[in-house]
Amino acid sequence: MQFHLEDMTCGGCARTVTKTIQMIDPNAKIVTDPPTRRVEVQTSASQEQIAAALSEAGFPPRAQ
């Protein structure tokens, strides 16, 4: 699944996004790209779970 995170603007943001997703699924494969503000996630968690966690962390997503 892919998300567009308008507020992910730097490497620090990307690390926070990665840690947030890993709290839901420690085995998730995560690719962040701050310049395009996209994150790609391969996980067993639902899209809704990931989106809710990202929103709570301050990175409300738009699904891609």
PDB file of N, CA and C in Angstrom:
ATOM      1  N   MET A   1       0.845  -1.176   0.000  1.00  0.00           N
ATOM      2  CA  MET A   1       0.000   0.000   0.000  1.00  0.00           C
ATOM      3  C   MET A   1       0.886   1.233   0.000  1.00  0.00           C
ATOM      4  N   GLN A   2       0.382   2.307  -0.571  1.00  0.00           N
ATOM      5  CA  GLN A   2       1.131   3.564  -0.621  1.00  0.00           C
ATOM      6  C   GLN A   2       0.304   4.677  -0.015  1.00  0.00           C
ATOM      7  N   PHE A   3       1.016   5.617   0.604  1.00  0.00           N
ATOM      8  CA  PHE A   3       0.374   6.789   1.167  1.00  0.00           C
ATOM      9  C   PHE A   3       1.129   8.032   0.745  1.00  0.00           C
ATOM     10  N   HIS A   4       0.423   9.129   0.641  1.00  0.00           N
ATOM     11  CA  HIS A   4       1.044  10.439   0.448  1.00  0.00           C
ATOM     12  C   HIS A   4       0.931  11.160   1.786  1.00  0.00           C
ATOM     13  N   LEU A   5       2.089  11.544   2.348  1.00  0.00           N
ATOM     14  CA  LEU A   5       2.129  12.216   3.651  1.00  0.00           C
ATOM     15  C   LEU A   5       2.621  13.640   3.437  1.00  0.00           C
ATOM     16  N   GLU A   6       1.704  14.553   3.325  1.00  0.00           N
ATOM     17  CA  GLU A   6       2.044  15.948   3.031  1.00  0.00           C
ATOM     18  C   GLU A   6       3.019  16.524   4.058  1.00  0.00           C
ATOM     19  N   ASP A   7       2.931  16.054   5.309  1.00  0.00           N
ATOM     20  CA  ASP A   7       3.764  16.613   6.378  1.00  0.00           C
ATOM     21  C   ASP A   7       5.111  15.913   6.542  1.00  0.00           C
ATOM     22  N   MET A   8       5.416  14.902   5.742  1.00  0.00           N
ATOM     23  CA  MET A   8       6.712  14.215   5.828  1.00  0.00           C
ATOM     24  C   MET A   8       7.701  14.953   4.919  1.00  0.00           C
ATOM     25  N   THR A   9       8.486  15.831   5.512  1.00  0.00           N
ATOM     26  CA  THR A   9       9.328  16.714   4.701  1.00  0.00           C
ATOM     27  C   THR A   9      10.826  16.472   4.854  1.00  0.00           C
ATOM     28  N   CYS A  10      11.235  15.590   5.794  1.00  0.00           N
ATOM     29  CA  CYS A  10      12.677  15.416   6.018  1.00  0.00           C
ATOM     30  C   CYS A  10      12.973  14.000   6.511  1.00  0.00           C
ATOM     31  N   GLY A  11      14.234  13.716   6.679  1.00  0.00           N
ATOM     32  CA  GLY A  11      14.647  12.399   7.161  1.00  0.00           C
ATOM     33  C   GLY A  11      14.141  12.104   8.560  1.00  0.00           C
ATOM     34  N   GLY A  12      14.073  13.120   9.408  1.00  0.00           N
ATOM     35  CA  GLY A  12      13.545  12.927  10.760  1.00  0.00           C
ATOM     36  C   GLY A  12      12.091  12.517  10.723  1.00  0.00           C
ATOM     37  N   CYS A  13      11.332  13.161   9.841  1.00  0.00           N
ATOM     38  CA  CYS A  13       9.925  12.788   9.654  1.00  0.00           C
ATOM     39  C   CYS A  13       9.832  11.341   9.175  1.00  0.00           C
ATOM     40  N   ALA A  14      10.676  10.983   8.235  1.00  0.00           N
ATOM     41  CA  ALA A  14      10.654   9.630   7.679  1.00  0.00           C
ATOM     42  C   ALA A  14      10.952   8.594   8.764  1.00  0.00           C
ATOM     43  N   ARG A  15      11.888   8.906   9.661  1.00  0.00           N
ATOM     44  CA  ARG A  15      12.194   7.981  10.755  1.00  0.00           C
ATOM     45  C   ARG A  15      10.992   7.823  11.685  1.00  0.00           C
ATOM     46  N   THR A  16      10.313   8.924  11.968  1.00  0.00           N
ATOM     47  CA  THR A  16       9.121   8.862  12.820  1.00  0.00           C
ATOM     48  C   THR A  16       8.032   8.022  12.161  1.00  0.00           C
ATOM     49  N   VAL A  17       7.830   8.222  10.863  1.00  0.00           N
ATOM     50  CA  VAL A  17       6.840   7.445  10.114  1.00  0.00           C
ATOM     51  C   VAL A  17       7.200   5.958  10.175  1.00  0.00           C
ATOM     52  N   THR A  18       8.465   5.629   9.953  1.00  0.00           N
ATOM     53  CA  THR A  18       8.916   4.238   9.983  1.00  0.00           C
ATOM     54  C   THR A  18       8.668   3.621  11.355  1.00  0.00           C
ATOM     55  N   LYS A  19       9.048   4.324  12.410  1.00  0.00           N
ATOM     56  CA  LYS A  19       8.857   3.796  13.768  1.00  0.00           C
ATOM     57  C   LYS A  19       7.379   3.623  14.091  1.00  0.00           C
ATOM     58  N   THR A  20       6.561   4.548  13.633  1.00  0.00           N
ATOM     59  CA  THR A  20       5.115   4.467  13.875  1.00  0.00           C
ATOM     60  C   THR A  20       4.539   3.210  13.236  1.00  0.00           C
ATOM     61  N   ILE A  21       4.920   2.946  11.987  1.00  0.00           N
ATOM     62  CA  ILE A  21       4.417   1.757  11.292  1.00  0.00           C
ATOM     63  C   ILE A  21       4.951   0.488  11.956  1.00  0.00           C
ATOM     64  N   GLN A  22       6.208   0.507  12.389  1.00  0.00           N
ATOM     65  CA  GLN A  22       6.802  -0.672  13.018  1.00  0.00           C
ATOM     66  C   GLN A  22       6.163  -0.985  14.368  1.00  0.00           C
ATOM     67  N   MET A  23       5.553   0.002  15.016  1.00  0.00           N
ATOM     68  CA  MET A  23       4.845  -0.270  16.257  1.00  0.00           C
ATOM     69  C   MET A  23       3.599  -1.112  15.983  1.00  0.00           C
ATOM     70  N   ILE A  24       3.000  -0.948  14.808  1.00  0.00           N
ATOM     71  CA  ILE A  24       1.836  -1.742  14.414  1.00  0.00           C
ATOM     72  C   ILE A  24       2.278  -3.115  13.906  1.00  0.00           C
ATOM     73  N   ASP A  25       3.312  -3.131  13.074  1.00  0.00           N
ATOM     74  CA  ASP A  25       3.821  -4.380  12.489  1.00  0.00           C
ATOM     75  C   ASP A  25       5.349  -4.316  12.436  1.00  0.00           C
ATOM     76  N   PRO A  26       6.020  -4.939  13.419  1.00  0.00           N
ATOM     77  CA  PRO A  26       7.488  -4.900  13.453  1.00  0.00           C
ATOM     78  C   PRO A  26       8.160  -5.488  12.213  1.00  0.00           C
ATOM     79  N   ASN A  27       7.442  -6.324  11.473  1.00  0.00           N
ATOM     80  CA  ASN A  27       8.014  -6.971  10.286  1.00  0.00           C
ATOM     81  C   ASN A  27       7.672  -6.251   8.988  1.00  0.00           C
ATOM     82  N   ALA A  28       7.033  -5.106   9.080  1.00  0.00           N
ATOM     83  CA  ALA A  28       6.639  -4.366   7.879  1.00  0.00           C
ATOM     84  C   ALA A  28       7.868  -3.935   7.088  1.00  0.00           C
ATOM     85  N   LYS A  29       7.728  -3.959   5.772  1.00  0.00           N
ATOM     86  CA  LYS A  29       8.762  -3.410   4.878  1.00  0.00           C
ATOM     87  C   LYS A  29       8.290  -2.006   4.491  1.00  0.00           C
ATOM     88  N   ILE A  30       9.147  -1.020   4.752  1.00  0.00           N
ATOM     89  CA  ILE A  30       8.751   0.374   4.605  1.00  0.00           C
ATOM     90  C   ILE A  30       9.775   1.104   3.755  1.00  0.00           C
ATOM     91  N   VAL A  31       9.289   1.819   2.741  1.00  0.00           N
ATOM     92  CA  VAL A  31      10.152   2.664   1.914  1.00  0.00           C
ATOM     93  C   VAL A  31       9.583   4.081   1.991  1.00  0.00           C
ATOM     94  N   THR A  32      10.392   5.002   2.543  1.00  0.00           N
ATOM     95  CA  THR A  32       9.957   6.398   2.628  1.00  0.00           C
ATOM     96  C   THR A  32      10.730   7.230   1.619  1.00  0.00           C
ATOM     97  N   ASP A  33      10.080   8.246   1.095  1.00  0.00           N
ATOM     98  CA  ASP A  33      10.712   9.157   0.140  1.00  0.00           C
ATOM     99  C   ASP A  33      10.263  10.588   0.463  1.00  0.00           C
ATOM    100  N   PRO A  34      10.973  11.244   1.395  1.00  0.00           N
ATOM    101  CA  PRO A  34      10.560  12.603   1.791  1.00  0.00           C
ATOM    102  C   PRO A  34      10.428  13.607   0.645  1.00  0.00           C
ATOM    103  N   PRO A  35      11.307  13.612  -0.378  1.00  0.00           N
ATOM    104  CA  PRO A  35      11.131  14.620  -1.436  1.00  0.00           C
ATOM    105  C   PRO A  35       9.776  14.535  -2.145  1.00  0.00           C
ATOM    106  N   THR A  36       9.259  13.310  -2.327  1.00  0.00           N
ATOM    107  CA  THR A  36       7.951  13.158  -2.974  1.00  0.00           C
ATOM    108  C   THR A  36       6.832  12.984  -1.945  1.00  0.00           C
ATOM    109  N   ARG A  37       7.217  12.865  -0.682  1.00  0.00           N
ATOM    110  CA  ARG A  37       6.281  12.698   0.444  1.00  0.00           C
ATOM    111  C   ARG A  37       5.443  11.440   0.319  1.00  0.00           C
ATOM    112  N   ARG A  38       6.077  10.385  -0.184  1.00  0.00           N
ATOM    113  CA  ARG A  38       5.391   9.104  -0.331  1.00  0.00           C
ATOM    114  C   ARG A  38       6.020   8.071   0.606  1.00  0.00           C
ATOM    115  N   VAL A  39       5.184   7.156   1.053  1.00  0.00           N
ATOM    116  CA  VAL A  39       5.663   6.003   1.807  1.00  0.00           C
ATOM    117  C   VAL A  39       4.967   4.766   1.246  1.00  0.00           C
ATOM    118  N   GLU A  40       5.755   3.719   1.041  1.00  0.00           N
ATOM    119  CA  GLU A  40       5.225   2.451   0.555  1.00  0.00           C
ATOM    120  C   GLU A  40       5.415   1.429   1.661  1.00  0.00           C
ATOM    121  N   VAL A  41       4.367   0.692   1.956  1.00  0.00           N
ATOM    122  CA  VAL A  41       4.381  -0.235   3.081  1.00  0.00           C
ATOM    123  C   VAL A  41       3.904  -1.605   2.629  1.00  0.00           C
ATOM    124  N   GLN A  42       4.690  -2.633   2.977  1.00  0.00           N
ATOM    125  CA  GLN A  42       4.253  -4.017   2.805  1.00  0.00           C
ATOM    126  C   GLN A  42       4.062  -4.555   4.213  1.00  0.00           C
ATOM    127  N   THR A  43       2.819  -4.858   4.558  1.00  0.00           N
ATOM    128  CA  THR A  43       2.497  -5.232   5.928  1.00  0.00           C
ATOM    129  C   THR A  43       1.296  -6.164   5.964  1.00  0.00           C
ATOM    130  N   SER A  44       1.176  -6.874   7.074  1.00  0.00           N
ATOM    131  CA  SER A  44      -0.010  -7.708   7.292  1.00  0.00           C
ATOM    132  C   SER A  44      -1.119  -6.899   7.961  1.00  0.00           C
ATOM    133  N   ALA A  45      -0.797  -5.690   8.424  1.00  0.00           N
ATOM    134  CA  ALA A  45      -1.804  -4.817   9.040  1.00  0.00           C
ATOM    135  C   ALA A  45      -2.709  -4.233   7.962  1.00  0.00           C
ATOM    136  N   SER A  46      -3.888  -3.798   8.378  1.00  0.00           N
ATOM    137  CA  SER A  46      -4.817  -3.213   7.409  1.00  0.00           C
ATOM    138  C   SER A  46      -4.417  -1.772   7.087  1.00  0.00           C
ATOM    139  N   GLN A  47      -4.871  -1.319   5.943  1.00  0.00           N
ATOM    140  CA  GLN A  47      -4.605   0.060   5.533  1.00  0.00           C
ATOM    141  C   GLN A  47      -5.185   1.031   6.564  1.00  0.00           C
ATOM    142  N   GLU A  48      -6.337   0.685   7.116  1.00  0.00           N
ATOM    143  CA  GLU A  48      -6.981   1.540   8.110  1.00  0.00           C
ATOM    144  C   GLU A  48      -6.134   1.650   9.378  1.00  0.00           C
ATOM    145  N   GLN A  49      -5.539   0.521   9.808  1.00  0.00           N
ATOM    146  CA  GLN A  49      -4.684   0.538  11.005  1.00  0.00           C
ATOM    147  C   GLN A  49      -3.474   1.444  10.795  1.00  0.00           C
ATOM    148  N   ILE A  50      -2.837   1.313   9.644  1.00  0.00           N
ATOM    149  CA  ILE A  50      -1.650   2.117   9.357  1.00  0.00           C
ATOM    150  C   ILE A  50      -2.030   3.590   9.256  1.00  0.00           C
ATOM    151  N   ALA A  51      -3.113   3.891   8.554  1.00  0.00           N
ATOM    152  CA  ALA A  51      -3.554   5.272   8.390  1.00  0.00           C
ATOM    153  C   ALA A  51      -3.884   5.904   9.736  1.00  0.00           C
ATOM    154  N   ALA A  52      -4.545   5.161  10.615  1.00  0.00           N
ATOM    155  CA  ALA A  52      -4.900   5.691  11.930  1.00  0.00           C
ATOM    156  C   ALA A  52      -3.650   5.980  12.752  1.00  0.00           C
ATOM    157  N   ALA A  53      -2.669   5.076  12.714  1.00  0.00           N
ATOM    158  CA  ALA A  53      -1.429   5.284  13.463  1.00  0.00           C
ATOM    159  C   ALA A  53      -0.667   6.490  12.924  1.00  0.00           C
ATOM    160  N   LEU A  54      -0.608   6.631  11.601  1.00  0.00           N
ATOM    161  CA  LEU A  54       0.092   7.773  11.005  1.00  0.00           C
ATOM    162  C   LEU A  54      -0.603   9.079  11.371  1.00  0.00           C
ATOM    163  N   SER A  55      -1.918   9.090  11.337  1.00  0.00           N
ATOM    164  CA  SER A  55      -2.666  10.298  11.703  1.00  0.00           C
ATOM    165  C   SER A  55      -2.389  10.676  13.150  1.00  0.00           C
ATOM    166  N   GLU A  56      -2.393   9.685  14.037  1.00  0.00           N
ATOM    167  CA  GLU A  56      -2.136   9.933  15.455  1.00  0.00           C
ATOM    168  C   GLU A  56      -0.727  10.483  15.674  1.00  0.00           C
ATOM    169  N   ALA A  57       0.222  10.062  14.828  1.00  0.00           N
ATOM    170  CA  ALA A  57       1.607  10.524  14.948  1.00  0.00           C
ATOM    171  C   ALA A  57       1.818  11.906  14.307  1.00  0.00           C
ATOM    172  N   GLY A  58       0.767  12.458  13.702  1.00  0.00           N
ATOM    173  CA  GLY A  58       0.886  13.792  13.104  1.00  0.00           C
ATOM    174  C   GLY A  58       1.147  13.798  11.616  1.00  0.00           C
ATOM    175  N   PHE A  59       0.953  12.639  10.976  1.00  0.00           N
ATOM    176  CA  PHE A  59       1.188  12.511   9.536  1.00  0.00           C
ATOM    177  C   PHE A  59      -0.067  11.960   8.860  1.00  0.00           C
ATOM    178  N   PRO A  60      -1.148  12.750   8.816  1.00  0.00           N
ATOM    179  CA  PRO A  60      -2.382  12.233   8.206  1.00  0.00           C
ATOM    180  C   PRO A  60      -2.157  11.886   6.730  1.00  0.00           C
ATOM    181  N   PRO A  61      -2.441  10.640   6.342  1.00  0.00           N
ATOM    182  CA  PRO A  61      -2.147  10.204   4.976  1.00  0.00           C
ATOM    183  C   PRO A  61      -3.302  10.375   4.014  1.00  0.00           C
ATOM    184  N   ARG A  62      -2.912  10.413   2.752  1.00  0.00           N
ATOM    185  CA  ARG A  62      -3.864  10.249   1.648  1.00  0.00           C
ATOM    186  C   ARG A  62      -3.447   8.946   0.963  1.00  0.00           C
ATOM    187  N   ALA A  63      -4.380   8.017   0.802  1.00  0.00           N
ATOM    188  CA  ALA A  63      -4.064   6.750   0.141  1.00  0.00           C
ATOM    189  C   ALA A  63      -3.729   7.009  -1.323  1.00  0.00           C
ATOM    190  N   GLN A  64      -2.804   6.208  -1.842  1.00  0.00           N
ATOM    191  CA  GLN A  64      -2.382   6.334  -3.231  1.00  0.00           C
ATOM    192  C   GLN A  64      -2.936   5.202  -4.044  1.00  0.00           C
TER     193      GLN A  64
END
